[in-house]
């Protein structure tokens, strides 16, 4: 489906076009860590260490980079509480909660159908 671009940066949104900025969003959301972070934050806001514990296998560097990208795109808010030590929480924004539903459906579909998929 092609939609007119409200930003006037180009004539229309067409994810199949190499110049469409939607490709950057697709690239971010198609990343496994982005999908899992958004899923973890669906439940409630989390601190960095809580996310790292929940997302088994993610390195601190990759978690930091992915959280920054999600924040840059407006999917995640980062709140710093002025305590000693600093308390930082990550939470989904409205747009983050909006994309959480289709991503949850994808994660669920994978879990239900994993035994039918050739994973080797």
C-alpha atoms as a PDB file:
ATOM      1  CA  UNK A   1       0.000   0.000   0.000  1.00  0.00           C
ATOM      2  CA  UNK A   2       1.433   3.355  -1.041  1.00  0.00           C
ATOM      3  CA  UNK A   3       0.658   6.402   1.105  1.00  0.00           C
ATOM      4  CA  UNK A   4       1.326  10.095   0.587  1.00  0.00           C
ATOM      5  CA  UNK A   5       4.237  11.407   2.636  1.00  0.00           C
ATOM      6  CA  UNK A   6       3.127  13.878   5.294  1.00  0.00           C
ATOM      7  CA  UNK A   7       6.686  15.172   5.808  1.00  0.00           C
ATOM      8  CA  UNK A   8       7.071  16.362   2.188  1.00  0.00           C
ATOM      9  CA  UNK A   9      10.505  14.720   2.111  1.00  0.00           C
ATOM     10  CA  UNK A  10       9.306  12.612  -0.798  1.00  0.00           C
ATOM     11  CA  UNK A  11       6.119  12.144  -2.779  1.00  0.00           C
ATOM     12  CA  UNK A  12       4.862   8.903  -1.254  1.00  0.00           C
ATOM     13  CA  UNK A  13       5.743   6.099   1.164  1.00  0.00           C
ATOM     14  CA  UNK A  14       6.748   2.967  -0.707  1.00  0.00           C
ATOM     15  CA  UNK A  15       8.665   0.468   1.434  1.00  0.00           C
ATOM     16  CA  UNK A  16       9.863  -1.241  -1.751  1.00  0.00           C
ATOM     17  CA  UNK A  17      11.607   1.945  -2.888  1.00  0.00           C
ATOM     18  CA  UNK A  18      15.291   2.153  -1.987  1.00  0.00           C
ATOM     19  CA  UNK A  19      14.848   5.797  -0.919  1.00  0.00           C
ATOM     20  CA  UNK A  20      11.902   5.218   1.404  1.00  0.00           C
ATOM     21  CA  UNK A  21      12.791   6.088   5.031  1.00  0.00           C
ATOM     22  CA  UNK A  22      10.414   3.326   6.063  1.00  0.00           C
ATOM     23  CA  UNK A  23      13.213   0.899   5.245  1.00  0.00           C
ATOM     24  CA  UNK A  24      15.176   2.202   8.228  1.00  0.00           C
ATOM     25  CA  UNK A  25      12.187   1.455  10.458  1.00  0.00           C
ATOM     26  CA  UNK A  26      11.805  -2.004   8.916  1.00  0.00           C
ATOM     27  CA  UNK A  27      15.501  -2.714   9.435  1.00  0.00           C
ATOM     28  CA  UNK A  28      15.246  -1.726  13.105  1.00  0.00           C
ATOM     29  CA  UNK A  29      12.048  -3.650  13.835  1.00  0.00           C
ATOM     30  CA  UNK A  30      13.181  -6.756  11.936  1.00  0.00           C
ATOM     31  CA  UNK A  31      16.158  -7.000  14.311  1.00  0.00           C
ATOM     32  CA  UNK A  32      15.703  -9.812  16.835  1.00  0.00           C
ATOM     33  CA  UNK A  33      16.932  -7.719  19.765  1.00  0.00           C
ATOM     34  CA  UNK A  34      14.537  -4.868  18.951  1.00  0.00           C
ATOM     35  CA  UNK A  35      11.641  -7.307  18.778  1.00  0.00           C
ATOM     36  CA  UNK A  36      12.605  -8.921  22.083  1.00  0.00           C
ATOM     37  CA  UNK A  37      13.240  -5.592  23.856  1.00  0.00           C
ATOM     38  CA  UNK A  38       9.836  -4.282  22.788  1.00  0.00           C
ATOM     39  CA  UNK A  39       8.265  -7.521  24.012  1.00  0.00           C
ATOM     40  CA  UNK A  40       9.980  -7.280  27.391  1.00  0.00           C
ATOM     41  CA  UNK A  41       8.899  -3.659  27.782  1.00  0.00           C
ATOM     42  CA  UNK A  42       5.264  -4.523  26.968  1.00  0.00           C
ATOM     43  CA  UNK A  43       4.885  -5.854  30.493  1.00  0.00           C
ATOM     44  CA  UNK A  44       6.372  -2.867  32.321  1.00  0.00           C
ATOM     45  CA  UNK A  45       9.316  -0.451  32.271  1.00  0.00           C
ATOM     46  CA  UNK A  46      12.667  -2.070  32.980  1.00  0.00           C
ATOM     47  CA  UNK A  47      16.111  -1.031  34.070  1.00  0.00           C
ATOM     48  CA  UNK A  48      19.088  -1.942  31.890  1.00  0.00           C
ATOM     49  CA  UNK A  49      20.179  -4.839  34.110  1.00  0.00           C
ATOM     50  CA  UNK A  50      16.660  -6.266  34.163  1.00  0.00           C
ATOM     51  CA  UNK A  51      16.518  -6.188  30.368  1.00  0.00           C
ATOM     52  CA  UNK A  52      19.920  -7.802  30.097  1.00  0.00           C
ATOM     53  CA  UNK A  53      18.831 -10.611  32.444  1.00  0.00           C
ATOM     54  CA  UNK A  54      15.561 -11.118  30.560  1.00  0.00           C
ATOM     55  CA  UNK A  55      17.176 -11.143  27.110  1.00  0.00           C
ATOM     56  CA  UNK A  56      19.519 -14.075  27.468  1.00  0.00           C
ATOM     57  CA  UNK A  57      22.511 -13.824  25.154  1.00  0.00           C
ATOM     58  CA  UNK A  58      22.497 -10.083  24.484  1.00  0.00           C
ATOM     59  CA  UNK A  59      25.773  -8.282  25.151  1.00  0.00           C
ATOM     60  CA  UNK A  60      25.759  -4.963  27.033  1.00  0.00           C
ATOM     61  CA  UNK A  61      27.084  -3.237  23.898  1.00  0.00           C
ATOM     62  CA  UNK A  62      24.334  -4.583  21.630  1.00  0.00           C
ATOM     63  CA  UNK A  63      21.645  -3.871  24.239  1.00  0.00           C
ATOM     64  CA  UNK A  64      22.874  -0.289  24.599  1.00  0.00           C
ATOM     65  CA  UNK A  65      23.030   0.256  20.827  1.00  0.00           C
ATOM     66  CA  UNK A  66      19.571  -1.217  20.265  1.00  0.00           C
ATOM     67  CA  UNK A  67      17.978   0.780  23.092  1.00  0.00           C
ATOM     68  CA  UNK A  68      19.518   3.979  21.679  1.00  0.00           C
ATOM     69  CA  UNK A  69      18.145   3.228  18.206  1.00  0.00           C
ATOM     70  CA  UNK A  70      14.691   2.446  19.596  1.00  0.00           C
ATOM     71  CA  UNK A  71      14.834   5.714  21.533  1.00  0.00           C
ATOM     72  CA  UNK A  72      16.004   7.665  18.456  1.00  0.00           C
ATOM     73  CA  UNK A  73      13.073   6.322  16.427  1.00  0.00           C
ATOM     74  CA  UNK A  74      10.610   7.125  19.222  1.00  0.00           C
ATOM     75  CA  UNK A  75       9.671   3.574  20.242  1.00  0.00           C
ATOM     76  CA  UNK A  76      11.267   3.757  23.709  1.00  0.00           C
ATOM     77  CA  UNK A  77      11.575   6.464  26.370  1.00  0.00           C
ATOM     78  CA  UNK A  78      14.582   6.588  28.671  1.00  0.00           C
ATOM     79  CA  UNK A  79      13.929   8.146  32.076  1.00  0.00           C
ATOM     80  CA  UNK A  80      16.762   9.038  34.460  1.00  0.00           C
ATOM     81  CA  UNK A  81      15.925   9.303  38.141  1.00  0.00           C
ATOM     82  CA  UNK A  82      18.398  11.508  40.054  1.00  0.00           C
ATOM     83  CA  UNK A  83      19.357   9.024  42.742  1.00  0.00           C
ATOM     84  CA  UNK A  84      22.678   7.643  43.873  1.00  0.00           C
ATOM     85  CA  UNK A  85      23.403   5.527  41.971  1.00  0.00           C
ATOM     86  CA  UNK A  86      21.448   6.814  38.978  1.00  0.00           C
ATOM     87  CA  UNK A  87      18.273   4.903  38.274  1.00  0.00           C
ATOM     88  CA  UNK A  88      17.493   4.635  34.545  1.00  0.00           C
ATOM     89  CA  UNK A  89      14.316   3.038  33.228  1.00  0.00           C
ATOM     90  CA  UNK A  90      13.239   2.202  29.709  1.00  0.00           C
ATOM     91  CA  UNK A  91       9.551   2.185  28.736  1.00  0.00           C
ATOM     92  CA  UNK A  92       7.543   1.961  25.536  1.00  0.00           C
ATOM     93  CA  UNK A  93       6.120   5.151  24.057  1.00  0.00           C
ATOM     94  CA  UNK A  94       2.660   5.231  22.472  1.00  0.00           C
ATOM     95  CA  UNK A  95       4.136   4.321  19.086  1.00  0.00           C
ATOM     96  CA  UNK A  96       6.182   1.580  20.786  1.00  0.00           C
ATOM     97  CA  UNK A  97       3.026   0.129  22.329  1.00  0.00           C
ATOM     98  CA  UNK A  98       1.397   0.304  18.902  1.00  0.00           C
ATOM     99  CA  UNK A  99       4.089  -1.796  17.241  1.00  0.00           C
ATOM    100  CA  UNK A 100       4.239  -4.200  20.201  1.00  0.00           C
ATOM    101  CA  UNK A 101       0.995  -5.911  19.148  1.00  0.00           C
ATOM    102  CA  UNK A 102       2.095  -7.070  15.669  1.00  0.00           C
ATOM    103  CA  UNK A 103       5.527  -8.006  17.014  1.00  0.00           C
ATOM    104  CA  UNK A 104       3.888 -10.075  19.770  1.00  0.00           C
ATOM    105  CA  UNK A 105       1.845 -11.845  17.104  1.00  0.00           C
ATOM    106  CA  UNK A 106       5.048 -12.646  15.205  1.00  0.00           C
ATOM    107  CA  UNK A 107       6.792 -13.968  18.340  1.00  0.00           C
ATOM    108  CA  UNK A 108       3.729 -16.072  19.161  1.00  0.00           C
ATOM    109  CA  UNK A 109       3.504 -17.441  15.625  1.00  0.00           C
ATOM    110  CA  UNK A 110       7.165 -18.480  15.798  1.00  0.00           C
ATOM    111  CA  UNK A 111       6.681 -20.270  19.125  1.00  0.00           C
ATOM    112  CA  UNK A 112       3.564 -22.106  17.866  1.00  0.00           C
ATOM    113  CA  UNK A 113       5.097 -23.131  14.535  1.00  0.00           C
ATOM    114  CA  UNK A 114       8.742 -23.643  15.459  1.00  0.00           C
ATOM    115  CA  UNK A 115       8.539 -27.430  15.303  1.00  0.00           C
ATOM    116  CA  UNK A 116       7.246 -27.221  11.729  1.00  0.00           C
ATOM    117  CA  UNK A 117      10.053 -24.929  10.561  1.00  0.00           C
ATOM    118  CA  UNK A 118      13.375 -26.279   9.343  1.00  0.00           C
ATOM    119  CA  UNK A 119      15.825 -24.385  11.573  1.00  0.00           C
ATOM    120  CA  UNK A 120      19.085 -26.047  10.511  1.00  0.00           C
END
